[in-house]
Amino acid sequence: MKNTLKLLIAFISIMTISSCADDIEHTAAITKSSGITLLAPTSSFNLVLDGAKLNDLATTFVWNDTDNSTNGTSVSYTIEAAKSGTNFAAPIVLAVTTSLFKDFTVGNLDTAAKSLGLAPLVEGSIDVRIKSSAGNSNYFTLKVTPYQPNWGIIGSATPFAWDNSTDMIYNPLTDTYSISLGLTTGEFKFRLDNAWTTNYGDDGKNLSLEPGGTNIPVTAGNYTIVANFNTKTYTITPIVNAWGIIGDATPTAWDSDTLMDYNPTTQKYSLILKMKVGTFKFRLDHGWVSNYGDNGNNLSLDSGGDNIPITAAGTYLITADFIGLTYTMTKL
């Protein structure tokens, strides 16, 4: 009898503890789901942003608010984003709304990602949440790859005339675009993503850029053109000595040169280019009369020297000093 009574007491105790545990778990679930809960997008979101689709819908932020589900009052919600892992130390505001959802275009996400310091063409992560005067929601981590705006020049002076843009090269170190090439007598303009929606000319012929501005005149010759679309300025510098690189490591292999940009202040040449595994050399005016390689693979230039190897494919900043006969290669 005593044993039976002990077993009964033990059973009741276990049931009581189990019931308490259930109550605790239920209370925790209610606490977690109360207030604002961000539902979408979740941390599975991963999108490569396409510059040709900036106006397309990328995602819709959706959330609920248990404190505002039935009372019908207008609560102001702020959608915030921060660089992943910063605990929202320096968030930016993506939008403010009184709705429980908000659409975001590819362009919206691209602007947000770049504002948080994410580099173009590189996958990065941002944390997003919803905020109101009552508190913050949970957050999710989104993976996005910002796009790189594709600026180019177009016009009767350029290789493709008015049919297509000739792409410029982006320099992430200076946040500028540049191109070195031979132009014919004529005119040109700058335009974005090979379309006329965003284009610049120069109304005053004063090296400043105006939206939809006047075509820029030029006489035949080799030029380095550098544009800063943040400050809306550009330079166009005649190249007296047209140095370029050529080789199977370059996009045009041994068929043709890729001209280097000339800096009249430093009298040095530079180029940012996607290179393949292979070799290259420097040569002048598209010919082999003056060409340089590197016999010792020691960043010094030797007349007619050995081909310079590229052992790892990637984007490189190559600079050359044809007075001091040195060069550098930096993988970006």
C-alpha atoms as a PDB file:
ATOM      1  CA  MET A   1       0.000   0.000   0.000  1.00  0.00           C
ATOM      2  CA  LYS A   2       2.794   2.352   0.952  1.00  0.00           C
ATOM      3  CA  ASN A   3       4.595   1.565  -2.315  1.00  0.00           C
ATOM      4  CA  THR A   4       1.421   2.244  -4.261  1.00  0.00           C
ATOM      5  CA  LEU A   5       1.002   5.576  -2.510  1.00  0.00           C
ATOM      6  CA  LYS A   6       4.620   6.544  -3.277  1.00  0.00           C
ATOM      7  CA  LEU A   7       4.181   5.706  -6.926  1.00  0.00           C
ATOM      8  CA  LEU A   8       1.014   7.783  -7.074  1.00  0.00           C
ATOM      9  CA  ILE A   9       2.752  10.789  -5.497  1.00  0.00           C
ATOM     10  CA  ALA A  10       5.689  10.447  -7.905  1.00  0.00           C
ATOM     11  CA  PHE A  11       3.334  10.250 -10.885  1.00  0.00           C
ATOM     12  CA  ILE A  12       1.441  13.363  -9.770  1.00  0.00           C
ATOM     13  CA  SER A  13       4.757  15.225  -9.301  1.00  0.00           C
ATOM     14  CA  ILE A  14       5.960  14.311 -12.788  1.00  0.00           C
ATOM     15  CA  MET A  15       2.663  15.420 -14.345  1.00  0.00           C
ATOM     16  CA  THR A  16       2.819  18.693 -12.425  1.00  0.00           C
ATOM     17  CA  ILE A  17       6.385  19.414 -13.603  1.00  0.00           C
ATOM     18  CA  SER A  18       5.446  18.506 -17.187  1.00  0.00           C
ATOM     19  CA  SER A  19       2.430  20.794 -17.051  1.00  0.00           C
ATOM     20  CA  CYS A  20       4.570  23.670 -15.725  1.00  0.00           C
ATOM     21  CA  ALA A  21       7.113  23.121 -18.498  1.00  0.00           C
ATOM     22  CA  ASP A  22       4.314  23.252 -21.079  1.00  0.00           C
ATOM     23  CA  ASP A  23       3.100  26.521 -19.571  1.00  0.00           C
ATOM     24  CA  ILE A  24       6.619  27.969 -19.682  1.00  0.00           C
ATOM     25  CA  GLU A  25       7.101  26.967 -23.323  1.00  0.00           C
ATOM     26  CA  HIS A  26       3.688  28.376 -24.275  1.00  0.00           C
ATOM     27  CA  THR A  27       4.448  31.660 -22.505  1.00  0.00           C
ATOM     28  CA  ALA A  28       7.815  31.945 -24.331  1.00  0.00           C
ATOM     29  CA  ALA A  29       6.118  31.406 -27.694  1.00  0.00           C
ATOM     30  CA  ILE A  30       3.599  34.144 -26.957  1.00  0.00           C
ATOM     31  CA  THR A  31       6.378  36.520 -25.901  1.00  0.00           C
ATOM     32  CA  LYS A  32       8.353  35.820 -29.063  1.00  0.00           C
ATOM     33  CA  SER A  33       5.391  36.432 -31.386  1.00  0.00           C
ATOM     34  CA  SER A  34       4.039  39.528 -29.666  1.00  0.00           C
ATOM     35  CA  GLY A  35       4.688  43.011 -31.010  1.00  0.00           C
ATOM     36  CA  ILE A  36       6.150  43.319 -34.509  1.00  0.00           C
ATOM     37  CA  THR A  37       7.252  40.180 -36.328  1.00  0.00           C
ATOM     38  CA  LEU A  38       9.049  40.433 -39.656  1.00  0.00           C
ATOM     39  CA  LEU A  39       7.795  37.601 -41.872  1.00  0.00           C
ATOM     40  CA  ALA A  40       9.527  38.228 -45.198  1.00  0.00           C
ATOM     41  CA  PRO A  41      12.037  38.389 -46.718  1.00  0.00           C
ATOM     42  CA  THR A  42      13.826  35.787 -44.625  1.00  0.00           C
ATOM     43  CA  SER A  43      17.499  34.915 -44.291  1.00  0.00           C
ATOM     44  CA  SER A  44      17.188  32.598 -47.304  1.00  0.00           C
ATOM     45  CA  PHE A  45      16.999  35.672 -49.545  1.00  0.00           C
ATOM     46  CA  ASN A  46      19.940  35.893 -51.985  1.00  0.00           C
ATOM     47  CA  LEU A  47      19.823  38.071 -55.087  1.00  0.00           C
ATOM     48  CA  VAL A  48      22.348  39.243 -57.664  1.00  0.00           C
ATOM     49  CA  LEU A  49      21.140  42.732 -58.574  1.00  0.00           C
ATOM     50  CA  ASP A  50      20.817  43.372 -62.306  1.00  0.00           C
ATOM     51  CA  GLY A  51      21.394  46.883 -63.608  1.00  0.00           C
ATOM     52  CA  ALA A  52      19.018  46.217 -66.497  1.00  0.00           C
ATOM     53  CA  LYS A  53      16.179  45.464 -64.054  1.00  0.00           C
ATOM     54  CA  LEU A  54      16.454  48.267 -61.518  1.00  0.00           C
ATOM     55  CA  ASN A  55      12.713  48.997 -61.677  1.00  0.00           C
ATOM     56  CA  ASP A  56      11.678  45.349 -61.274  1.00  0.00           C
ATOM     57  CA  LEU A  57      10.272  44.066 -57.984  1.00  0.00           C
ATOM     58  CA  ALA A  58      13.017  42.450 -55.908  1.00  0.00           C
ATOM     59  CA  THR A  59      11.048  41.540 -52.781  1.00  0.00           C
ATOM     60  CA  THR A  60       8.165  42.594 -50.555  1.00  0.00           C
ATOM     61  CA  PHE A  61       8.709  43.216 -46.853  1.00  0.00           C
ATOM     62  CA  VAL A  62       5.801  41.743 -44.872  1.00  0.00           C
ATOM     63  CA  TRP A  63       5.255  41.867 -41.099  1.00  0.00           C
ATOM     64  CA  ASN A  64       2.507  41.678 -38.518  1.00  0.00           C
ATOM     65  CA  ASP A  65       1.954  43.593 -35.307  1.00  0.00           C
ATOM     66  CA  THR A  66      -0.089  42.027 -32.529  1.00  0.00           C
ATOM     67  CA  ASP A  67      -0.477  45.466 -30.930  1.00  0.00           C
ATOM     68  CA  ASN A  68      -2.012  46.869 -34.109  1.00  0.00           C
ATOM     69  CA  SER A  69      -3.932  43.968 -35.602  1.00  0.00           C
ATOM     70  CA  THR A  70      -7.482  45.049 -34.739  1.00  0.00           C
ATOM     71  CA  ASN A  71      -7.471  48.583 -33.330  1.00  0.00           C
ATOM     72  CA  GLY A  72      -7.270  50.233 -36.764  1.00  0.00           C
ATOM     73  CA  THR A  73      -4.995  53.066 -35.678  1.00  0.00           C
ATOM     74  CA  SER A  74      -2.236  54.295 -37.989  1.00  0.00           C
ATOM     75  CA  VAL A  75       1.112  53.179 -36.652  1.00  0.00           C
ATOM     76  CA  SER A  76       4.256  54.424 -38.396  1.00  0.00           C
ATOM     77  CA  TYR A  77       6.710  51.655 -39.259  1.00  0.00           C
ATOM     78  CA  THR A  78      10.330  52.257 -40.227  1.00  0.00           C
ATOM     79  CA  ILE A  79      12.173  49.651 -42.266  1.00  0.00           C
ATOM     80  CA  GLU A  80      15.833  49.691 -41.253  1.00  0.00           C
ATOM     81  CA  ALA A  81      18.942  48.045 -42.668  1.00  0.00           C
ATOM     82  CA  ALA A  82      22.460  47.735 -41.321  1.00  0.00           C
ATOM     83  CA  LYS A  83      25.640  46.014 -42.349  1.00  0.00           C
ATOM     84  CA  SER A  84      25.435  42.429 -41.172  1.00  0.00           C
ATOM     85  CA  GLY A  85      26.886  41.704 -37.750  1.00  0.00           C
ATOM     86  CA  THR A  86      26.881  45.317 -36.517  1.00  0.00           C
ATOM     87  CA  ASN A  87      23.835  44.936 -34.240  1.00  0.00           C
ATOM     88  CA  PHE A  88      22.240  47.906 -36.034  1.00  0.00           C
ATOM     89  CA  ALA A  89      24.844  50.285 -34.624  1.00  0.00           C
ATOM     90  CA  ALA A  90      24.484  52.597 -37.638  1.00  0.00           C
ATOM     91  CA  PRO A  91      21.271  51.679 -39.459  1.00  0.00           C
ATOM     92  CA  ILE A  92      19.890  53.395 -42.533  1.00  0.00           C
ATOM     93  CA  VAL A  93      16.192  53.963 -43.209  1.00  0.00           C
ATOM     94  CA  LEU A  94      14.864  52.113 -46.237  1.00  0.00           C
ATOM     95  CA  ALA A  95      11.281  53.319 -45.974  1.00  0.00           C
ATOM     96  CA  VAL A  96       8.565  54.592 -43.634  1.00  0.00           C
ATOM     97  CA  THR A  97       4.988  53.375 -43.998  1.00  0.00           C
ATOM     98  CA  THR A  98       1.741  52.818 -42.091  1.00  0.00           C
ATOM     99  CA  SER A  99       1.065  49.578 -43.982  1.00  0.00           C
ATOM    100  CA  LEU A 100       2.131  46.095 -42.930  1.00  0.00           C
ATOM    101  CA  PHE A 101       4.007  45.516 -46.191  1.00  0.00           C
ATOM    102  CA  LYS A 102       6.327  47.402 -48.526  1.00  0.00           C
ATOM    103  CA  ASP A 103       7.579  46.602 -52.034  1.00  0.00           C
ATOM    104  CA  PHE A 104      11.261  47.056 -52.877  1.00  0.00           C
ATOM    105  CA  THR A 105      12.714  47.219 -56.365  1.00  0.00           C
ATOM    106  CA  VAL A 106      16.111  45.987 -57.468  1.00  0.00           C
ATOM    107  CA  GLY A 107      17.193  49.626 -57.551  1.00  0.00           C
ATOM    108  CA  ASN A 108      16.026  50.188 -53.962  1.00  0.00           C
ATOM    109  CA  LEU A 109      18.097  47.270 -52.700  1.00  0.00           C
ATOM    110  CA  ASP A 110      21.094  48.292 -54.786  1.00  0.00           C
ATOM    111  CA  THR A 111      21.034  51.811 -53.329  1.00  0.00           C
ATOM    112  CA  ALA A 112      20.675  50.445 -49.801  1.00  0.00           C
ATOM    113  CA  ALA A 113      23.499  47.933 -50.194  1.00  0.00           C
ATOM    114  CA  LYS A 114      25.897  50.529 -51.576  1.00  0.00           C
ATOM    115  CA  SER A 115      24.919  53.025 -48.851  1.00  0.00           C
ATOM    116  CA  LEU A 116      26.004  50.407 -46.322  1.00  0.00           C
ATOM    117  CA  GLY A 117      29.366  49.987 -48.033  1.00  0.00           C
ATOM    118  CA  LEU A 118      28.800  46.781 -49.978  1.00  0.00           C
ATOM    119  CA  ALA A 119      31.070  46.589 -53.021  1.00  0.00           C
ATOM    120  CA  PRO A 120      29.645  46.115 -56.526  1.00  0.00           C
ATOM    121  CA  LEU A 121      29.829  42.628 -58.005  1.00  0.00           C
ATOM    122  CA  VAL A 122      30.666  41.122 -54.592  1.00  0.00           C
ATOM    123  CA  GLU A 123      28.113  39.236 -52.493  1.00  0.00           C
ATOM    124  CA  GLY A 124      27.507  40.941 -49.173  1.00  0.00           C
ATOM    125  CA  SER A 125      25.069  40.700 -46.270  1.00  0.00           C
ATOM    126  CA  ILE A 126      22.716  43.225 -44.689  1.00  0.00           C
ATOM    127  CA  ASP A 127      20.459  42.879 -41.652  1.00  0.00           C
ATOM    128  CA  VAL A 128      16.897  44.207 -41.914  1.00  0.00           C
ATOM    129  CA  ARG A 129      14.177  44.837 -39.342  1.00  0.00           C
ATOM    130  CA  ILE A 130      10.982  46.792 -38.710  1.00  0.00           C
ATOM    131  CA  LYS A 131      10.830  49.508 -36.070  1.00  0.00           C
ATOM    132  CA  SER A 132       7.990  51.472 -34.457  1.00  0.00           C
ATOM    133  CA  SER A 133       7.585  53.627 -31.390  1.00  0.00           C
ATOM    134  CA  ALA A 134       6.665  50.446 -29.507  1.00  0.00           C
ATOM    135  CA  GLY A 135       9.875  48.595 -30.318  1.00  0.00           C
ATOM    136  CA  ASN A 136      11.768  46.567 -32.885  1.00  0.00           C
ATOM    137  CA  SER A 137      10.936  43.388 -34.734  1.00  0.00           C
ATOM    138  CA  ASN A 138      13.125  40.351 -35.195  1.00  0.00           C
ATOM    139  CA  TYR A 139      15.642  40.695 -37.986  1.00  0.00           C
ATOM    140  CA  PHE A 140      16.729  38.674 -41.003  1.00  0.00           C
ATOM    141  CA  THR A 141      20.010  38.693 -42.911  1.00  0.00           C
ATOM    142  CA  LEU A 142      19.743  39.225 -46.676  1.00  0.00           C
ATOM    143  CA  LYS A 143      22.480  38.397 -49.159  1.00  0.00           C
ATOM    144  CA  VAL A 144      22.767  40.781 -52.092  1.00  0.00           C
ATOM    145  CA  THR A 145      25.302  41.411 -54.824  1.00  0.00           C
ATOM    146  CA  PRO A 146      25.179  45.083 -55.907  1.00  0.00           C
ATOM    147  CA  TYR A 147      25.491  45.818 -59.583  1.00  0.00           C
ATOM    148  CA  GLN A 148      28.244  47.857 -61.198  1.00  0.00           C
ATOM    149  CA  PRO A 149      26.876  50.712 -63.340  1.00  0.00           C
ATOM    150  CA  ASN A 150      28.134  50.300 -66.884  1.00  0.00           C
ATOM    151  CA  TRP A 151      29.140  53.701 -68.230  1.00  0.00           C
ATOM    152  CA  GLY A 152      30.363  54.115 -71.761  1.00  0.00           C
ATOM    153  CA  ILE A 153      30.898  56.657 -74.516  1.00  0.00           C
ATOM    154  CA  ILE A 154      28.949  56.833 -77.747  1.00  0.00           C
ATOM    155  CA  GLY A 155      29.050  59.104 -80.789  1.00  0.00           C
ATOM    156  CA  SER A 156      30.425  59.659 -84.257  1.00  0.00           C
ATOM    157  CA  ALA A 157      33.971  59.896 -82.863  1.00  0.00           C
ATOM    158  CA  THR A 158      33.813  56.472 -81.183  1.00  0.00           C
ATOM    159  CA  PRO A 159      34.439  52.988 -82.648  1.00  0.00           C
ATOM    160  CA  PHE A 160      30.727  52.073 -82.826  1.00  0.00           C
ATOM    161  CA  ALA A 161      29.522  55.556 -83.811  1.00  0.00           C
ATOM    162  CA  TRP A 162      25.951  56.133 -82.575  1.00  0.00           C
ATOM    163  CA  ASP A 163      25.028  52.442 -82.731  1.00  0.00           C
ATOM    164  CA  ASN A 164      26.475  51.177 -79.437  1.00  0.00           C
ATOM    165  CA  SER A 165      28.419  52.424 -76.447  1.00  0.00           C
ATOM    166  CA  THR A 166      32.105  51.666 -75.934  1.00  0.00           C
ATOM    167  CA  ASP A 167      32.436  50.541 -72.323  1.00  0.00           C
ATOM    168  CA  MET A 168      34.552  52.487 -69.863  1.00  0.00           C
ATOM    169  CA  ILE A 169      36.517  50.823 -67.038  1.00  0.00           C
ATOM    170  CA  TYR A 170      35.580  51.411 -63.403  1.00  0.00           C
ATOM    171  CA  ASN A 171      38.337  52.216 -60.917  1.00  0.00           C
ATOM    172  CA  PRO A 172      37.185  51.300 -57.365  1.00  0.00           C
ATOM    173  CA  LEU A 173      40.161  53.128 -55.864  1.00  0.00           C
ATOM    174  CA  THR A 174      39.107  56.506 -57.278  1.00  0.00           C
ATOM    175  CA  ASP A 175      35.408  55.815 -57.961  1.00  0.00           C
ATOM    176  CA  THR A 176      35.893  57.011 -61.531  1.00  0.00           C
ATOM    177  CA  TYR A 177      35.461  55.556 -65.002  1.00  0.00           C
ATOM    178  CA  SER A 178      38.090  55.779 -67.694  1.00  0.00           C
ATOM    179  CA  ILE A 179      38.901  54.691 -71.217  1.00  0.00           C
ATOM    180  CA  SER A 180      41.876  55.150 -73.514  1.00  0.00           C
ATOM    181  CA  LEU A 181      41.280  54.764 -77.210  1.00  0.00           C
ATOM    182  CA  GLY A 182      41.644  56.229 -80.641  1.00  0.00           C
ATOM    183  CA  LEU A 183      38.906  58.649 -81.658  1.00  0.00           C
ATOM    184  CA  THR A 184      38.066  60.068 -85.052  1.00  0.00           C
ATOM    185  CA  THR A 185      37.070  63.685 -85.640  1.00  0.00           C
ATOM    186  CA  GLY A 186      33.489  63.966 -84.430  1.00  0.00           C
ATOM    187  CA  GLU A 187      31.645  64.072 -81.121  1.00  0.00           C
ATOM    188  CA  PHE A 188      30.607  61.861 -78.243  1.00  0.00           C
ATOM    189  CA  LYS A 189      28.509  61.627 -75.081  1.00  0.00           C
ATOM    190  CA  PHE A 190      28.509  59.539 -71.920  1.00  0.00           C
ATOM    191  CA  ARG A 191      25.615  57.178 -71.260  1.00  0.00           C
ATOM    192  CA  LEU A 192      24.637  54.577 -68.693  1.00  0.00           C
ATOM    193  CA  ASP A 193      24.021  50.884 -69.385  1.00  0.00           C
ATOM    194  CA  ASN A 194      24.050  51.324 -73.163  1.00  0.00           C
ATOM    195  CA  ALA A 195      20.749  53.243 -73.067  1.00  0.00           C
ATOM    196  CA  TRP A 196      19.630  56.851 -73.385  1.00  0.00           C
ATOM    197  CA  THR A 197      17.673  57.021 -70.133  1.00  0.00           C
ATOM    198  CA  THR A 198      20.715  58.488 -68.378  1.00  0.00           C
ATOM    199  CA  ASN A 199      23.240  60.354 -70.517  1.00  0.00           C
ATOM    200  CA  TYR A 200      25.576  63.301 -70.123  1.00  0.00           C
ATOM    201  CA  GLY A 201      27.054  65.922 -72.395  1.00  0.00           C
ATOM    202  CA  ASP A 202      28.846  69.211 -71.800  1.00  0.00           C
ATOM    203  CA  ASP A 203      26.771  72.348 -72.417  1.00  0.00           C
ATOM    204  CA  GLY A 204      29.546  74.815 -71.730  1.00  0.00           C
ATOM    205  CA  LYS A 205      32.587  72.910 -73.051  1.00  0.00           C
ATOM    206  CA  ASN A 206      34.021  73.388 -69.555  1.00  0.00           C
ATOM    207  CA  LEU A 207      34.618  69.748 -68.534  1.00  0.00           C
ATOM    208  CA  SER A 208      31.412  69.617 -66.487  1.00  0.00           C
ATOM    209  CA  LEU A 209      28.678  67.104 -67.210  1.00  0.00           C
ATOM    210  CA  GLU A 210      25.030  68.010 -67.695  1.00  0.00           C
ATOM    211  CA  PRO A 211      22.152  65.514 -68.030  1.00  0.00           C
ATOM    212  CA  GLY A 212      21.201  65.249 -71.685  1.00  0.00           C
ATOM    213  CA  GLY A 213      23.812  67.908 -72.423  1.00  0.00           C
ATOM    214  CA  THR A 214      25.478  68.961 -75.659  1.00  0.00           C
ATOM    215  CA  ASN A 215      27.611  66.490 -77.622  1.00  0.00           C
ATOM    216  CA  ILE A 216      31.331  66.824 -76.863  1.00  0.00           C
ATOM    217  CA  PRO A 217      33.473  67.615 -79.937  1.00  0.00           C
ATOM    218  CA  VAL A 218      36.884  66.030 -80.508  1.00  0.00           C
ATOM    219  CA  THR A 219      39.506  65.874 -83.247  1.00  0.00           C
ATOM    220  CA  ALA A 220      41.139  62.648 -84.364  1.00  0.00           C
ATOM    221  CA  GLY A 221      43.755  61.168 -82.034  1.00  0.00           C
ATOM    222  CA  ASN A 222      44.415  58.897 -79.065  1.00  0.00           C
ATOM    223  CA  TYR A 223      42.858  60.039 -75.798  1.00  0.00           C
ATOM    224  CA  THR A 224      42.453  59.095 -72.151  1.00  0.00           C
ATOM    225  CA  ILE A 225      38.987  60.046 -70.928  1.00  0.00           C
ATOM    226  CA  VAL A 226      38.228  59.984 -67.197  1.00  0.00           C
ATOM    227  CA  ALA A 227      34.758  60.711 -65.808  1.00  0.00           C
ATOM    228  CA  ASN A 228      33.528  61.197 -62.263  1.00  0.00           C
ATOM    229  CA  PHE A 229      29.758  60.792 -62.270  1.00  0.00           C
ATOM    230  CA  ASN A 230      29.532  61.806 -58.610  1.00  0.00           C
ATOM    231  CA  THR A 231      31.058  65.249 -59.147  1.00  0.00           C
ATOM    232  CA  LYS A 232      29.758  65.426 -62.748  1.00  0.00           C
ATOM    233  CA  THR A 233      33.181  66.238 -64.194  1.00  0.00           C
ATOM    234  CA  TYR A 234      35.473  64.687 -66.776  1.00  0.00           C
ATOM    235  CA  THR A 235      38.893  65.094 -68.350  1.00  0.00           C
ATOM    236  CA  ILE A 236      40.065  64.284 -71.851  1.00  0.00           C
ATOM    237  CA  THR A 237      43.825  64.027 -72.297  1.00  0.00           C
ATOM    238  CA  PRO A 238      45.617  63.513 -75.635  1.00  0.00           C
ATOM    239  CA  ILE A 239      48.011  60.560 -75.592  1.00  0.00           C
ATOM    240  CA  VAL A 240      51.221  61.370 -77.403  1.00  0.00           C
ATOM    241  CA  ASN A 241      52.702  57.911 -76.861  1.00  0.00           C
ATOM    242  CA  ALA A 242      50.019  55.244 -77.019  1.00  0.00           C
ATOM    243  CA  TRP A 243      51.232  52.520 -74.690  1.00  0.00           C
ATOM    244  CA  GLY A 244      49.131  49.401 -74.304  1.00  0.00           C
ATOM    245  CA  ILE A 245      49.302  45.792 -73.223  1.00  0.00           C
ATOM    246  CA  ILE A 246      48.925  42.738 -75.412  1.00  0.00           C
ATOM    247  CA  GLY A 247      49.066  38.987 -74.803  1.00  0.00           C
ATOM    248  CA  ASP A 248      47.008  35.868 -74.234  1.00  0.00           C
ATOM    249  CA  ALA A 249      46.298  37.025 -70.678  1.00  0.00           C
ATOM    250  CA  THR A 250      44.336  40.011 -72.070  1.00  0.00           C
ATOM    251  CA  PRO A 251      40.785  39.997 -73.468  1.00  0.00           C
ATOM    252  CA  THR A 252      42.011  40.441 -77.074  1.00  0.00           C
ATOM    253  CA  ALA A 253      44.948  37.999 -76.747  1.00  0.00           C
ATOM    254  CA  TRP A 254      47.791  38.687 -79.217  1.00  0.00           C
ATOM    255  CA  ASP A 255      45.437  40.172 -81.802  1.00  0.00           C
ATOM    256  CA  SER A 256      45.293  43.768 -80.577  1.00  0.00           C
ATOM    257  CA  ASP A 257      46.371  46.096 -77.769  1.00  0.00           C
ATOM    258  CA  THR A 258      44.362  47.423 -74.878  1.00  0.00           C
ATOM    259  CA  LEU A 259      45.486  51.038 -74.470  1.00  0.00           C
ATOM    260  CA  MET A 260      46.552  52.264 -71.056  1.00  0.00           C
ATOM    261  CA  ASP A 261      45.358  55.492 -69.411  1.00  0.00           C
ATOM    262  CA  TYR A 262      47.886  58.321 -69.402  1.00  0.00           C
ATOM    263  CA  ASN A 263      48.319  60.642 -66.423  1.00  0.00           C
ATOM    264  CA  PRO A 264      50.045  63.855 -67.582  1.00  0.00           C
ATOM    265  CA  THR A 265      50.878  64.839 -63.987  1.00  0.00           C
ATOM    266  CA  THR A 266      52.793  61.685 -63.078  1.00  0.00           C
ATOM    267  CA  GLN A 267      53.657  60.815 -66.685  1.00  0.00           C
ATOM    268  CA  LYS A 268      52.717  57.241 -65.848  1.00  0.00           C
ATOM    269  CA  TYR A 269      50.297  54.862 -67.518  1.00  0.00           C
ATOM    270  CA  SER A 270      47.721  52.649 -65.828  1.00  0.00           C
ATOM    271  CA  LEU A 271      44.968  50.203 -66.640  1.00  0.00           C
ATOM    272  CA  ILE A 272      42.364  48.134 -64.805  1.00  0.00           C
ATOM    273  CA  LEU A 273      41.560  44.977 -66.703  1.00  0.00           C
ATOM    274  CA  LYS A 274      40.202  41.472 -66.251  1.00  0.00           C
ATOM    275  CA  MET A 275      43.108  39.148 -66.990  1.00  0.00           C
ATOM    276  CA  LYS A 276      43.249  35.432 -67.707  1.00  0.00           C
ATOM    277  CA  VAL A 277      46.026  33.039 -66.818  1.00  0.00           C
ATOM    278  CA  GLY A 278      48.676  33.657 -69.461  1.00  0.00           C
ATOM    279  CA  THR A 279      51.251  36.295 -70.359  1.00  0.00           C
ATOM    280  CA  PHE A 280      51.412  39.848 -71.665  1.00  0.00           C
ATOM    281  CA  LYS A 281      53.799  42.592 -72.735  1.00  0.00           C
ATOM    282  CA  PHE A 282      53.784  46.364 -73.057  1.00  0.00           C
ATOM    283  CA  ARG A 283      54.130  47.882 -76.504  1.00  0.00           C
ATOM    284  CA  LEU A 284      54.007  51.341 -78.107  1.00  0.00           C
ATOM    285  CA  ASP A 285      51.654  52.580 -80.824  1.00  0.00           C
ATOM    286  CA  HIS A 286      50.248  49.116 -81.616  1.00  0.00           C
ATOM    287  CA  GLY A 287      53.590  47.911 -82.959  1.00  0.00           C
ATOM    288  CA  TRP A 288      56.602  45.851 -81.957  1.00  0.00           C
ATOM    289  CA  VAL A 289      59.320  48.419 -82.602  1.00  0.00           C
ATOM    290  CA  SER A 290      59.146  49.478 -78.934  1.00  0.00           C
ATOM    291  CA  ASN A 291      58.010  46.805 -76.511  1.00  0.00           C
ATOM    292  CA  TYR A 292      58.841  45.820 -72.957  1.00  0.00           C
ATOM    293  CA  GLY A 293      58.794  42.610 -70.941  1.00  0.00           C
ATOM    294  CA  ASP A 294      60.425  41.577 -67.685  1.00  0.00           C
ATOM    295  CA  ASN A 295      63.496  39.321 -67.880  1.00  0.00           C
ATOM    296  CA  GLY A 296      63.831  38.825 -64.137  1.00  0.00           C
ATOM    297  CA  ASN A 297      60.163  38.854 -63.171  1.00  0.00           C
ATOM    298  CA  ASN A 298      61.172  41.622 -60.740  1.00  0.00           C
ATOM    299  CA  LEU A 299      58.833  44.476 -61.800  1.00  0.00           C
ATOM    300  CA  SER A 300      61.494  46.135 -63.956  1.00  0.00           C
ATOM    301  CA  LEU A 301      60.939  46.702 -67.676  1.00  0.00           C
ATOM    302  CA  ASP A 302      63.410  45.317 -70.187  1.00  0.00           C
ATOM    303  CA  SER A 303      63.348  46.277 -73.847  1.00  0.00           C
ATOM    304  CA  GLY A 304      62.081  43.282 -75.830  1.00  0.00           C
ATOM    305  CA  GLY A 305      62.088  41.303 -72.563  1.00  0.00           C
ATOM    306  CA  ASP A 306      60.300  38.151 -71.523  1.00  0.00           C
ATOM    307  CA  ASN A 307      56.535  37.894 -71.470  1.00  0.00           C
ATOM    308  CA  ILE A 308      55.079  38.804 -68.074  1.00  0.00           C
ATOM    309  CA  PRO A 309      53.087  35.958 -66.493  1.00  0.00           C
ATOM    310  CA  ILE A 310      49.641  36.168 -64.927  1.00  0.00           C
ATOM    311  CA  THR A 311      49.312  33.112 -62.730  1.00  0.00           C
ATOM    312  CA  ALA A 312      45.854  33.792 -61.302  1.00  0.00           C
ATOM    313  CA  ALA A 313      42.877  35.072 -63.248  1.00  0.00           C
ATOM    314  CA  GLY A 314      41.228  38.223 -61.915  1.00  0.00           C
ATOM    315  CA  THR A 315      40.943  41.976 -62.192  1.00  0.00           C
ATOM    316  CA  TYR A 316      44.285  43.788 -62.029  1.00  0.00           C
ATOM    317  CA  LEU A 317      45.456  47.351 -61.700  1.00  0.00           C
ATOM    318  CA  ILE A 318      48.594  47.617 -63.843  1.00  0.00           C
ATOM    319  CA  THR A 319      50.744  50.741 -63.783  1.00  0.00           C
ATOM    320  CA  ALA A 320      53.853  51.445 -65.835  1.00  0.00           C
ATOM    321  CA  ASP A 321      56.559  54.090 -65.726  1.00  0.00           C
ATOM    322  CA  PHE A 322      58.269  54.105 -69.108  1.00  0.00           C
ATOM    323  CA  ILE A 323      60.733  56.749 -67.904  1.00  0.00           C
ATOM    324  CA  GLY A 324      61.880  54.861 -64.801  1.00  0.00           C
ATOM    325  CA  LEU A 325      61.247  51.513 -66.548  1.00  0.00           C
ATOM    326  CA  THR A 326      59.243  49.966 -63.722  1.00  0.00           C
ATOM    327  CA  TYR A 327      55.732  48.604 -63.394  1.00  0.00           C
ATOM    328  CA  THR A 328      53.344  47.309 -60.750  1.00  0.00           C
ATOM    329  CA  MET A 329      50.513  44.776 -60.745  1.00  0.00           C
ATOM    330  CA  THR A 330      47.822  44.786 -58.045  1.00  0.00           C
ATOM    331  CA  LYS A 331      45.040  42.204 -57.961  1.00  0.00           C
ATOM    332  CA  LEU A 332      41.803  43.946 -56.980  1.00  0.00           C
END
